N, C-alpha and C. Protein backbone atom coordinates (compact mmCIF):
# COMPACT_ATOMS: atom_id res chain seq x y z
N MET A 1 212.97 115.19 -35.08
CA MET A 1 211.67 115.80 -35.01
C MET A 1 211.41 116.39 -33.62
N GLU A 2 211.96 115.77 -32.61
CA GLU A 2 211.79 116.27 -31.25
C GLU A 2 212.41 117.65 -31.08
N VAL A 3 213.50 117.90 -31.79
CA VAL A 3 214.16 119.21 -31.71
C VAL A 3 213.23 120.28 -32.25
N VAL A 4 212.57 120.00 -33.36
CA VAL A 4 211.65 120.96 -33.97
C VAL A 4 210.48 121.22 -33.02
N LYS A 5 209.97 120.17 -32.41
CA LYS A 5 208.85 120.31 -31.47
C LYS A 5 209.26 121.17 -30.27
N ARG A 6 210.47 120.94 -29.77
CA ARG A 6 210.96 121.71 -28.62
C ARG A 6 211.11 123.19 -28.98
N ILE A 7 211.67 123.46 -30.15
CA ILE A 7 211.82 124.84 -30.61
C ILE A 7 210.46 125.49 -30.77
N LYS A 8 209.53 124.77 -31.37
CA LYS A 8 208.17 125.29 -31.59
C LYS A 8 207.53 125.68 -30.26
N HIS A 9 207.63 124.81 -29.28
CA HIS A 9 206.99 125.08 -27.99
C HIS A 9 207.68 126.19 -27.21
N LYS A 10 208.97 126.31 -27.35
CA LYS A 10 209.69 127.33 -26.59
C LYS A 10 209.73 128.69 -27.27
N ALA A 11 209.72 128.71 -28.60
CA ALA A 11 209.95 129.98 -29.29
C ALA A 11 208.73 130.58 -29.97
N CYS A 12 207.90 129.77 -30.57
CA CYS A 12 206.82 130.30 -31.41
C CYS A 12 205.70 130.93 -30.60
N GLN A 13 205.20 132.04 -31.12
CA GLN A 13 204.06 132.72 -30.52
C GLN A 13 203.38 133.57 -31.59
N THR A 14 202.13 133.88 -31.34
CA THR A 14 201.42 134.72 -32.29
C THR A 14 201.55 136.18 -31.87
N ALA A 15 201.46 137.05 -32.83
CA ALA A 15 201.52 138.49 -32.57
C ALA A 15 200.12 139.06 -32.76
N PHE A 16 199.73 139.96 -31.88
CA PHE A 16 198.41 140.57 -32.00
C PHE A 16 198.31 141.33 -33.32
N VAL A 17 199.35 142.10 -33.63
CA VAL A 17 199.44 142.81 -34.91
C VAL A 17 200.82 142.51 -35.48
N LEU A 18 200.87 141.64 -36.49
CA LEU A 18 202.15 141.18 -37.02
C LEU A 18 203.00 142.32 -37.57
N LYS A 19 202.40 143.22 -38.33
CA LYS A 19 203.17 144.33 -38.92
C LYS A 19 203.83 145.19 -37.84
N LYS A 20 203.09 145.44 -36.76
CA LYS A 20 203.63 146.24 -35.65
C LYS A 20 204.78 145.50 -34.97
N THR A 21 204.60 144.20 -34.78
CA THR A 21 205.63 143.39 -34.15
C THR A 21 206.90 143.37 -35.00
N GLU A 22 206.73 143.27 -36.32
CA GLU A 22 207.89 143.29 -37.22
C GLU A 22 208.67 144.59 -37.09
N LYS A 23 207.96 145.71 -36.97
CA LYS A 23 208.61 147.01 -36.84
C LYS A 23 209.33 147.16 -35.50
N GLU A 24 208.74 146.58 -34.46
CA GLU A 24 209.29 146.73 -33.11
C GLU A 24 210.35 145.69 -32.78
N PHE A 25 210.50 144.69 -33.64
CA PHE A 25 211.44 143.61 -33.36
C PHE A 25 212.86 144.15 -33.26
N ASP A 26 213.53 143.78 -32.20
CA ASP A 26 214.89 144.26 -31.97
C ASP A 26 215.94 143.34 -32.56
N ASP A 27 216.97 143.15 -31.87
CA ASP A 27 218.14 142.42 -32.35
C ASP A 27 218.01 140.93 -32.12
N ILE A 28 218.29 140.15 -33.15
CA ILE A 28 218.21 138.69 -33.05
C ILE A 28 219.28 138.15 -32.10
N ASP A 29 220.36 138.90 -31.89
CA ASP A 29 221.43 138.44 -31.01
C ASP A 29 221.00 138.34 -29.55
N GLU A 30 219.92 139.03 -29.19
CA GLU A 30 219.43 138.98 -27.82
C GLU A 30 218.60 137.72 -27.55
N LEU A 31 218.23 137.00 -28.60
CA LEU A 31 217.39 135.83 -28.45
C LEU A 31 218.21 134.60 -28.12
N PRO A 32 217.60 133.64 -27.38
CA PRO A 32 218.35 132.41 -27.07
C PRO A 32 218.53 131.56 -28.32
N GLY A 33 219.61 130.80 -28.35
CA GLY A 33 219.86 129.90 -29.46
C GLY A 33 219.34 128.50 -29.15
N PHE A 34 219.15 127.72 -30.20
CA PHE A 34 218.71 126.33 -30.05
C PHE A 34 219.74 125.44 -30.70
N LYS A 35 220.21 124.45 -29.93
CA LYS A 35 221.23 123.55 -30.44
C LYS A 35 220.59 122.42 -31.22
N LEU A 36 221.08 122.20 -32.43
CA LEU A 36 220.58 121.13 -33.29
C LEU A 36 221.39 119.86 -33.03
N PRO A 37 220.86 118.70 -33.43
CA PRO A 37 221.58 117.44 -33.20
C PRO A 37 222.98 117.40 -33.80
N ASP A 38 223.21 118.15 -34.90
CA ASP A 38 224.54 118.15 -35.51
C ASP A 38 225.50 119.12 -34.84
N GLY A 39 225.04 119.79 -33.76
CA GLY A 39 225.91 120.69 -33.01
C GLY A 39 225.76 122.16 -33.36
N ARG A 40 225.15 122.45 -34.51
CA ARG A 40 224.95 123.85 -34.88
C ARG A 40 223.92 124.50 -33.96
N VAL A 41 224.06 125.80 -33.79
CA VAL A 41 223.11 126.57 -32.98
C VAL A 41 222.39 127.55 -33.90
N ILE A 42 221.07 127.55 -33.83
CA ILE A 42 220.29 128.48 -34.65
C ILE A 42 219.54 129.43 -33.73
N LYS A 43 219.24 130.60 -34.27
CA LYS A 43 218.44 131.58 -33.54
C LYS A 43 217.18 131.83 -34.35
N ILE A 44 216.07 131.92 -33.65
CA ILE A 44 214.79 132.15 -34.28
C ILE A 44 214.42 133.62 -34.08
N GLY A 45 214.30 134.34 -35.18
CA GLY A 45 213.96 135.76 -35.11
C GLY A 45 212.48 135.98 -35.35
N LEU A 46 212.17 136.75 -36.37
CA LEU A 46 210.78 137.03 -36.70
C LEU A 46 210.01 135.78 -37.10
N GLU A 47 210.73 134.72 -37.43
CA GLU A 47 210.09 133.46 -37.78
C GLU A 47 209.20 132.96 -36.64
N LYS A 48 209.57 133.32 -35.41
CA LYS A 48 208.79 132.87 -34.26
C LYS A 48 207.37 133.41 -34.29
N PHE A 49 207.16 134.52 -35.01
CA PHE A 49 205.82 135.07 -35.17
C PHE A 49 205.20 134.66 -36.50
N LYS A 50 206.02 134.58 -37.53
CA LYS A 50 205.50 134.32 -38.87
C LYS A 50 205.04 132.88 -39.05
N ALA A 51 205.73 131.92 -38.47
CA ALA A 51 205.33 130.52 -38.62
C ALA A 51 203.92 130.27 -38.06
N PRO A 52 203.63 130.68 -36.83
CA PRO A 52 202.26 130.47 -36.32
C PRO A 52 201.22 131.30 -37.06
N GLU A 53 201.61 132.43 -37.60
CA GLU A 53 200.68 133.30 -38.32
C GLU A 53 200.10 132.60 -39.54
N LEU A 54 200.84 131.67 -40.11
CA LEU A 54 200.38 130.94 -41.29
C LEU A 54 199.13 130.10 -41.00
N MET A 55 198.94 129.72 -39.75
CA MET A 55 197.73 128.96 -39.41
C MET A 55 196.49 129.83 -39.57
N PHE A 56 196.65 131.11 -39.36
CA PHE A 56 195.52 132.03 -39.42
C PHE A 56 195.42 132.75 -40.77
N LYS A 57 196.55 132.87 -41.47
CA LYS A 57 196.57 133.55 -42.77
C LYS A 57 197.37 132.74 -43.78
N PRO A 58 196.81 131.66 -44.30
CA PRO A 58 197.52 130.85 -45.30
C PRO A 58 197.87 131.67 -46.55
N SER A 59 197.18 132.77 -46.75
CA SER A 59 197.45 133.62 -47.92
C SER A 59 198.86 134.20 -47.90
N LEU A 60 199.51 134.21 -46.74
CA LEU A 60 200.90 134.69 -46.67
C LEU A 60 201.83 133.81 -47.51
N LEU A 61 201.41 132.57 -47.74
CA LEU A 61 202.18 131.65 -48.59
C LEU A 61 201.57 131.53 -49.98
N GLY A 62 200.55 132.35 -50.23
CA GLY A 62 199.89 132.31 -51.52
C GLY A 62 198.83 131.22 -51.63
N LEU A 63 198.43 130.66 -50.49
CA LEU A 63 197.42 129.61 -50.48
C LEU A 63 196.03 130.21 -50.30
N GLU A 64 195.07 129.67 -51.00
CA GLU A 64 193.70 130.17 -50.93
C GLU A 64 192.84 129.27 -50.05
N TYR A 65 193.22 129.13 -48.79
CA TYR A 65 192.49 128.33 -47.82
C TYR A 65 192.07 129.23 -46.66
N PRO A 66 190.99 128.86 -45.96
CA PRO A 66 190.62 129.64 -44.77
C PRO A 66 191.60 129.34 -43.64
N GLY A 67 191.70 130.26 -42.71
CA GLY A 67 192.55 130.07 -41.55
C GLY A 67 191.90 129.12 -40.56
N VAL A 68 192.66 128.68 -39.58
CA VAL A 68 192.15 127.72 -38.60
C VAL A 68 190.97 128.30 -37.83
N HIS A 69 190.96 129.61 -37.60
CA HIS A 69 189.85 130.22 -36.88
C HIS A 69 188.55 130.16 -37.71
N GLU A 70 188.67 130.33 -39.01
CA GLU A 70 187.49 130.25 -39.88
C GLU A 70 186.99 128.80 -40.01
N ILE A 71 187.91 127.87 -40.08
CA ILE A 71 187.55 126.46 -40.16
C ILE A 71 186.80 126.04 -38.89
N THR A 72 187.26 126.52 -37.74
CA THR A 72 186.62 126.20 -36.47
C THR A 72 185.20 126.76 -36.41
N VAL A 73 185.03 128.02 -36.80
CA VAL A 73 183.70 128.63 -36.79
C VAL A 73 182.76 127.88 -37.73
N ASN A 74 183.24 127.53 -38.91
CA ASN A 74 182.41 126.81 -39.87
C ASN A 74 182.02 125.43 -39.36
N ALA A 75 182.94 124.74 -38.69
CA ALA A 75 182.64 123.41 -38.15
C ALA A 75 181.59 123.49 -37.05
N VAL A 76 181.71 124.48 -36.18
CA VAL A 76 180.73 124.64 -35.09
C VAL A 76 179.37 125.01 -35.66
N ALA A 77 179.36 125.87 -36.69
CA ALA A 77 178.10 126.28 -37.31
C ALA A 77 177.39 125.09 -37.96
N LYS A 78 178.14 124.16 -38.49
CA LYS A 78 177.54 122.99 -39.15
C LYS A 78 176.86 122.06 -38.16
N VAL A 79 177.36 121.96 -36.94
CA VAL A 79 176.76 121.05 -35.96
C VAL A 79 175.71 121.73 -35.09
N SER A 80 175.59 123.03 -35.18
CA SER A 80 174.61 123.76 -34.37
C SER A 80 173.23 123.70 -34.95
């Protein structure tokens, strides 16, 4: 689990405009690799943008839930 956490902290980021970022994304070979406990090395490509994007747009997975930003606004509105 620590390996996943390390990869998440080093690689994942949000894109201001995901579609634009997908179009501009270059070669995955230029990205650093991450060594797994079994010795394999993986490279994180567009996943580095898509994984965090799910927090804001669960509909990308077909889920009908609000994003974290909407949940936060609703929670603040309830206590105000």
